[in-house]
Amino acid sequence: GKTTVTNHLKALGYSVIEADEIAREVLEIYPEILAYLRHTYGERIFNEGKLNRRLLGKIIFQNEIKREEYGKVIMPRIIEEIKKRLKDSEDEIIFVDAPLLFEEGLDDQVDYTITVYVRRSVQLKRLMDRDGYSKAEANKRIDAQMSLKEKASRSDYVLYNEGEREETFKAMDEI
C-alpha cells in the first residue's frame, strides 16, 4: 500500500523520503551500527561481510527486547537523516514514508499525516505474499508497530487501500 502510494507520488514528480531506504543507507554512513550488530550477533548475520537483513529481522522480531535494543541503535540515525533531508530539501512539498512515524515522534516534523489503511487480514496477506513470511512472522511484524487503527485516529488523512490501484491513486490525488 505505502509503496504503491509513494511510487505514484514520485511519478507525479514529488520528492519522497523513504525511511526504509534510509535504514539501509545508515548502515554505510554509520559504521558503529554494523559494529554493534557484529558484537551482538556475531558473523552469523553476515553473508560474505554483508548484513543479511532478512536474518536480522527474523532474530529481532522474535524478541521484543532485541528489537528495542536495535531500535535504540539505529532509529536515532534514521531520524537524524530524515530531519537532515527535510531541512536540506528545496522542494515545496516533500512526502515522508515512515512506517514508525508516530512511534518515533516524527509526526511533529511534518505538516500533515496520511495513513494508508487496510484491514489487518489484508495487511497480513500482503506481507506474507510480498515477503514470503509465515503467518506467525507476519503477525510479529504487524504487532511490533502501532496498530493501523491507532495511526488512522492520529492522522490528518486516511487513505483506504483495499480496492483497485486507480482508486488509491484518485484518493491520493484528492488529498
C-alpha atoms as a PDB file:
ATOM      1  CA  GLY A   1       0.000   0.000   0.000  1.00  0.00           C
ATOM      2  CA  LYS A   2       2.581   2.575   1.082  1.00  0.00           C
ATOM      3  CA  THR A   3       4.914   1.622  -1.757  1.00  0.00           C
ATOM      4  CA  THR A   4       2.117   1.942  -4.306  1.00  0.00           C
ATOM      5  CA  VAL A   5       1.316   5.414  -2.971  1.00  0.00           C
ATOM      6  CA  THR A   6       4.947   6.585  -2.809  1.00  0.00           C
ATOM      7  CA  ASN A   7       5.626   5.302  -6.345  1.00  0.00           C
ATOM      8  CA  HIS A   8       2.569   7.226  -7.536  1.00  0.00           C
ATOM      9  CA  LEU A   9       3.808  10.390  -5.814  1.00  0.00           C
ATOM     10  CA  LYS A  10       7.256  10.003  -7.380  1.00  0.00           C
ATOM     11  CA  ALA A  11       5.662   9.510 -10.805  1.00  0.00           C
ATOM     12  CA  LEU A  12       3.852  12.812 -10.263  1.00  0.00           C
ATOM     13  CA  GLY A  13       7.214  14.474  -9.576  1.00  0.00           C
ATOM     14  CA  TYR A  14       7.046  14.795  -5.798  1.00  0.00           C
ATOM     15  CA  SER A  15      10.021  14.186  -3.525  1.00  0.00           C
ATOM     16  CA  VAL A  16       9.645  11.224  -1.197  1.00  0.00           C
ATOM     17  CA  ILE A  17      11.941  10.493   1.732  1.00  0.00           C
ATOM     18  CA  GLU A  18      11.731   6.777   2.457  1.00  0.00           C
ATOM     19  CA  ALA A  19      12.658   5.664   5.976  1.00  0.00           C
ATOM     20  CA  ASP A  20      13.222   2.058   4.863  1.00  0.00           C
ATOM     21  CA  GLU A  21      15.730   3.213   2.256  1.00  0.00           C
ATOM     22  CA  ILE A  22      17.459   5.390   4.854  1.00  0.00           C
ATOM     23  CA  ALA A  23      17.596   2.391   7.214  1.00  0.00           C
ATOM     24  CA  ARG A  24      19.765   0.632   4.630  1.00  0.00           C
ATOM     25  CA  GLU A  25      21.872   3.731   3.966  1.00  0.00           C
ATOM     26  CA  VAL A  26      22.704   4.449   7.609  1.00  0.00           C
ATOM     27  CA  LEU A  27      24.419   1.066   7.813  1.00  0.00           C
ATOM     28  CA  GLU A  28      27.004   2.507   5.397  1.00  0.00           C
ATOM     29  CA  ILE A  29      27.049   6.042   6.808  1.00  0.00           C
ATOM     30  CA  TYR A  30      27.442   5.000  10.459  1.00  0.00           C
ATOM     31  CA  PRO A  31      29.782   2.001  10.782  1.00  0.00           C
ATOM     32  CA  GLU A  32      29.093   1.820  14.524  1.00  0.00           C
ATOM     33  CA  ILE A  33      25.713   0.263  13.703  1.00  0.00           C
ATOM     34  CA  LEU A  34      27.340  -2.687  11.935  1.00  0.00           C
ATOM     35  CA  ALA A  35      29.911  -2.888  14.743  1.00  0.00           C
ATOM     36  CA  TYR A  36      27.050  -3.162  17.253  1.00  0.00           C
ATOM     37  CA  LEU A  37      25.445  -5.927  15.197  1.00  0.00           C
ATOM     38  CA  ARG A  38      28.724  -7.854  14.899  1.00  0.00           C
ATOM     39  CA  HIS A  39      29.334  -7.509  18.626  1.00  0.00           C
ATOM     40  CA  THR A  40      25.769  -8.534  19.500  1.00  0.00           C
ATOM     41  CA  TYR A  41      25.078 -11.314  16.969  1.00  0.00           C
ATOM     42  CA  GLY A  42      28.484 -12.217  15.545  1.00  0.00           C
ATOM     43  CA  GLU A  43      29.225 -13.115  11.950  1.00  0.00           C
ATOM     44  CA  ARG A  44      26.186 -15.387  11.633  1.00  0.00           C
ATOM     45  CA  ILE A  45      24.043 -12.468  10.430  1.00  0.00           C
ATOM     46  CA  PHE A  46      26.532 -11.581   7.696  1.00  0.00           C
ATOM     47  CA  ASN A  47      26.996 -13.259   4.302  1.00  0.00           C
ATOM     48  CA  GLU A  48      30.456 -12.597   2.909  1.00  0.00           C
ATOM     49  CA  GLY A  49      30.697  -9.462   5.055  1.00  0.00           C
ATOM     50  CA  LYS A  50      27.295  -8.107   4.009  1.00  0.00           C
ATOM     51  CA  LEU A  51      24.455  -7.846   6.513  1.00  0.00           C
ATOM     52  CA  ASN A  52      21.689 -10.389   5.974  1.00  0.00           C
ATOM     53  CA  ARG A  53      18.785  -8.058   6.765  1.00  0.00           C
ATOM     54  CA  ARG A  54      16.213 -10.846   6.479  1.00  0.00           C
ATOM     55  CA  LEU A  55      18.009 -12.975   9.092  1.00  0.00           C
ATOM     56  CA  LEU A  56      18.470  -9.957  11.362  1.00  0.00           C
ATOM     57  CA  GLY A  57      14.748  -9.210  11.044  1.00  0.00           C
ATOM     58  CA  LYS A  58      13.882 -12.780  11.885  1.00  0.00           C
ATOM     59  CA  ILE A  59      16.020 -12.579  15.036  1.00  0.00           C
ATOM     60  CA  ILE A  60      14.858  -9.213  16.311  1.00  0.00           C
ATOM     61  CA  PHE A  61      11.173  -9.710  15.542  1.00  0.00           C
ATOM     62  CA  GLN A  62      11.183 -12.897  17.622  1.00  0.00           C
ATOM     63  CA  ASN A  63      12.326 -10.997  20.699  1.00  0.00           C
ATOM     64  CA  GLU A  64      10.910  -7.639  21.722  1.00  0.00           C
ATOM     65  CA  ILE A  65      13.953  -6.764  23.855  1.00  0.00           C
ATOM     66  CA  LYS A  66      16.347  -7.396  20.956  1.00  0.00           C
ATOM     67  CA  ARG A  67      14.120  -5.355  18.640  1.00  0.00           C
ATOM     68  CA  GLU A  68      14.012  -2.467  21.093  1.00  0.00           C
ATOM     69  CA  GLU A  69      17.779  -2.589  21.632  1.00  0.00           C
ATOM     70  CA  TYR A  70      18.431  -2.491  17.904  1.00  0.00           C
ATOM     71  CA  GLY A  71      15.908   0.335  17.555  1.00  0.00           C
ATOM     72  CA  LYS A  72      17.829   2.373  20.130  1.00  0.00           C
ATOM     73  CA  VAL A  73      20.962   1.995  18.000  1.00  0.00           C
ATOM     74  CA  ILE A  74      19.548   2.606  14.519  1.00  0.00           C
ATOM     75  CA  MET A  75      16.470   4.819  14.967  1.00  0.00           C
ATOM     76  CA  PRO A  76      18.302   7.959  16.141  1.00  0.00           C
ATOM     77  CA  ARG A  77      20.421   7.797  12.972  1.00  0.00           C
ATOM     78  CA  ILE A  78      17.393   7.249  10.726  1.00  0.00           C
ATOM     79  CA  ILE A  79      15.582  10.164  12.365  1.00  0.00           C
ATOM     80  CA  GLU A  80      18.682  12.343  12.066  1.00  0.00           C
ATOM     81  CA  GLU A  81      18.918  11.581   8.337  1.00  0.00           C
ATOM     82  CA  ILE A  82      15.203  12.234   7.747  1.00  0.00           C
ATOM     83  CA  LYS A  83      15.414  15.592   9.531  1.00  0.00           C
ATOM     84  CA  LYS A  84      18.568  16.489   7.607  1.00  0.00           C
ATOM     85  CA  ARG A  85      16.928  15.684   4.273  1.00  0.00           C
ATOM     86  CA  LEU A  86      13.811  17.651   5.174  1.00  0.00           C
ATOM     87  CA  LYS A  87      15.962  20.640   6.145  1.00  0.00           C
ATOM     88  CA  ASP A  88      18.225  20.420   3.087  1.00  0.00           C
ATOM     89  CA  SER A  89      15.449  19.974   0.533  1.00  0.00           C
ATOM     90  CA  GLU A  90      14.448  22.908  -1.607  1.00  0.00           C
ATOM     91  CA  ASP A  91      11.177  21.270  -2.633  1.00  0.00           C
ATOM     92  CA  GLU A  92       7.981  22.967  -1.524  1.00  0.00           C
ATOM     93  CA  ILE A  93       6.226  19.650  -0.887  1.00  0.00           C
ATOM     94  CA  ILE A  94       8.017  16.586   0.458  1.00  0.00           C
ATOM     95  CA  PHE A  95       6.441  13.301   1.474  1.00  0.00           C
ATOM     96  CA  VAL A  96       7.963  11.141   4.202  1.00  0.00           C
ATOM     97  CA  ASP A  97       7.263   7.410   4.010  1.00  0.00           C
ATOM     98  CA  ALA A  98       7.985   6.227   7.536  1.00  0.00           C
ATOM     99  CA  PRO A  99       6.277   3.148   8.990  1.00  0.00           C
ATOM    100  CA  LEU A 100       7.191   4.291  12.524  1.00  0.00           C
ATOM    101  CA  LEU A 101       6.302   7.956  12.023  1.00  0.00           C
ATOM    102  CA  PHE A 102       4.090   8.166  15.099  1.00  0.00           C
ATOM    103  CA  GLU A 103       6.080   5.739  17.236  1.00  0.00           C
ATOM    104  CA  GLU A 104       9.250   7.804  16.768  1.00  0.00           C
ATOM    105  CA  GLY A 105       7.582  11.210  17.121  1.00  0.00           C
ATOM    106  CA  LEU A 106       8.301  12.228  13.534  1.00  0.00           C
ATOM    107  CA  ASP A 107       4.718  13.404  13.120  1.00  0.00           C
ATOM    108  CA  ASP A 108       5.931  16.600  14.836  1.00  0.00           C
ATOM    109  CA  GLN A 109       8.280  17.187  11.878  1.00  0.00           C
ATOM    110  CA  VAL A 110       5.572  17.224   9.206  1.00  0.00           C
ATOM    111  CA  ASP A 111       2.616  19.455   8.421  1.00  0.00           C
ATOM    112  CA  TYR A 112       0.127  16.685   7.662  1.00  0.00           C
ATOM    113  CA  THR A 113      -0.053  12.943   8.151  1.00  0.00           C
ATOM    114  CA  ILE A 114      -1.618  10.344   5.879  1.00  0.00           C
ATOM    115  CA  THR A 115      -2.158   6.742   6.901  1.00  0.00           C
ATOM    116  CA  VAL A 116      -2.513   4.136   4.184  1.00  0.00           C
ATOM    117  CA  TYR A 117      -5.108   1.864   5.757  1.00  0.00           C
ATOM    118  CA  VAL A 118      -6.155  -1.728   5.173  1.00  0.00           C
ATOM    119  CA  ARG A 119      -7.850  -4.276   7.377  1.00  0.00           C
ATOM    120  CA  ARG A 120      -5.409  -6.430   9.355  1.00  0.00           C
ATOM    121  CA  SER A 121      -6.320  -9.527   7.340  1.00  0.00           C
ATOM    122  CA  VAL A 122      -5.343  -7.730   4.118  1.00  0.00           C
ATOM    123  CA  GLN A 123      -2.160  -6.384   5.718  1.00  0.00           C
ATOM    124  CA  LEU A 124      -1.252  -9.896   6.861  1.00  0.00           C
ATOM    125  CA  LYS A 125      -1.876 -11.435   3.426  1.00  0.00           C
ATOM    126  CA  ARG A 126       0.133  -8.739   1.647  1.00  0.00           C
ATOM    127  CA  LEU A 127       3.119  -9.207   3.969  1.00  0.00           C
ATOM    128  CA  MET A 128       3.036 -12.958   3.526  1.00  0.00           C
ATOM    129  CA  ASP A 129       2.691 -12.702  -0.278  1.00  0.00           C
ATOM    130  CA  ARG A 130       5.250  -9.930  -0.759  1.00  0.00           C
ATOM    131  CA  ASP A 131       7.974 -11.033   1.647  1.00  0.00           C
ATOM    132  CA  GLY A 132       7.306 -14.741   1.958  1.00  0.00           C
ATOM    133  CA  TYR A 133       6.776 -14.542   5.716  1.00  0.00           C
ATOM    134  CA  SER A 134       4.947 -17.247   7.578  1.00  0.00           C
ATOM    135  CA  LYS A 135       1.707 -16.159   9.228  1.00  0.00           C
ATOM    136  CA  ALA A 136       3.480 -16.068  12.622  1.00  0.00           C
ATOM    137  CA  GLU A 137       6.339 -13.938  11.244  1.00  0.00           C
ATOM    138  CA  ALA A 138       3.954 -11.537   9.544  1.00  0.00           C
ATOM    139  CA  ASN A 139       1.875 -11.184  12.726  1.00  0.00           C
ATOM    140  CA  LYS A 140       5.010 -10.402  14.751  1.00  0.00           C
ATOM    141  CA  ARG A 141       5.962  -7.670  12.279  1.00  0.00           C
ATOM    142  CA  ILE A 142       2.483  -6.155  12.417  1.00  0.00           C
ATOM    143  CA  ASP A 143       2.327  -6.391  16.209  1.00  0.00           C
ATOM    144  CA  ALA A 144       5.692  -4.616  16.532  1.00  0.00           C
ATOM    145  CA  GLN A 145       4.100  -1.418  15.230  1.00  0.00           C
ATOM    146  CA  MET A 146       1.286   0.786  16.390  1.00  0.00           C
ATOM    147  CA  SER A 147      -2.000  -0.529  15.003  1.00  0.00           C
ATOM    148  CA  LEU A 148      -3.285   0.979  11.782  1.00  0.00           C
ATOM    149  CA  LYS A 149      -6.468   1.940  13.643  1.00  0.00           C
ATOM    150  CA  GLU A 150      -4.410   3.994  16.112  1.00  0.00           C
ATOM    151  CA  LYS A 151      -2.374   5.550  13.297  1.00  0.00           C
ATOM    152  CA  ALA A 152      -5.571   6.396  11.417  1.00  0.00           C
ATOM    153  CA  SER A 153      -7.036   8.063  14.510  1.00  0.00           C
ATOM    154  CA  ARG A 154      -3.927  10.282  14.761  1.00  0.00           C
ATOM    155  CA  SER A 155      -3.744  11.122  11.056  1.00  0.00           C
ATOM    156  CA  ASP A 156      -4.973  14.139   9.189  1.00  0.00           C
ATOM    157  CA  TYR A 157      -5.985  11.911   6.272  1.00  0.00           C
ATOM    158  CA  VAL A 158      -6.722   8.211   5.906  1.00  0.00           C
ATOM    159  CA  LEU A 159      -6.248   6.566   2.539  1.00  0.00           C
ATOM    160  CA  TYR A 160      -8.186   3.307   2.316  1.00  0.00           C
ATOM    161  CA  ASN A 161      -6.208   0.949   0.116  1.00  0.00           C
ATOM    162  CA  GLU A 162      -8.159  -2.250  -0.466  1.00  0.00           C
ATOM    163  CA  GLY A 163      -9.551  -1.528  -3.897  1.00  0.00           C
ATOM    164  CA  GLU A 164      -8.022  -1.093  -7.336  1.00  0.00           C
ATOM    165  CA  ARG A 165      -4.832   0.924  -7.729  1.00  0.00           C
ATOM    166  CA  GLU A 166      -6.670   3.557  -9.735  1.00  0.00           C
ATOM    167  CA  GLU A 167      -9.000   4.138  -6.778  1.00  0.00           C
ATOM    168  CA  THR A 168      -5.986   4.556  -4.498  1.00  0.00           C
ATOM    169  CA  PHE A 169      -4.340   6.968  -6.930  1.00  0.00           C
ATOM    170  CA  LYS A 170      -7.543   9.019  -7.246  1.00  0.00           C
ATOM    171  CA  ALA A 171      -7.922   9.217  -3.454  1.00  0.00           C
ATOM    172  CA  MET A 172      -4.286  10.275  -3.069  1.00  0.00           C
ATOM    173  CA  ASP A 173      -4.688  12.914  -5.776  1.00  0.00           C
ATOM    174  CA  GLU A 174      -7.701  14.317  -3.901  1.00  0.00           C
ATOM    175  CA  ILE A 175      -5.647  14.539  -0.692  1.00  0.00           C
END
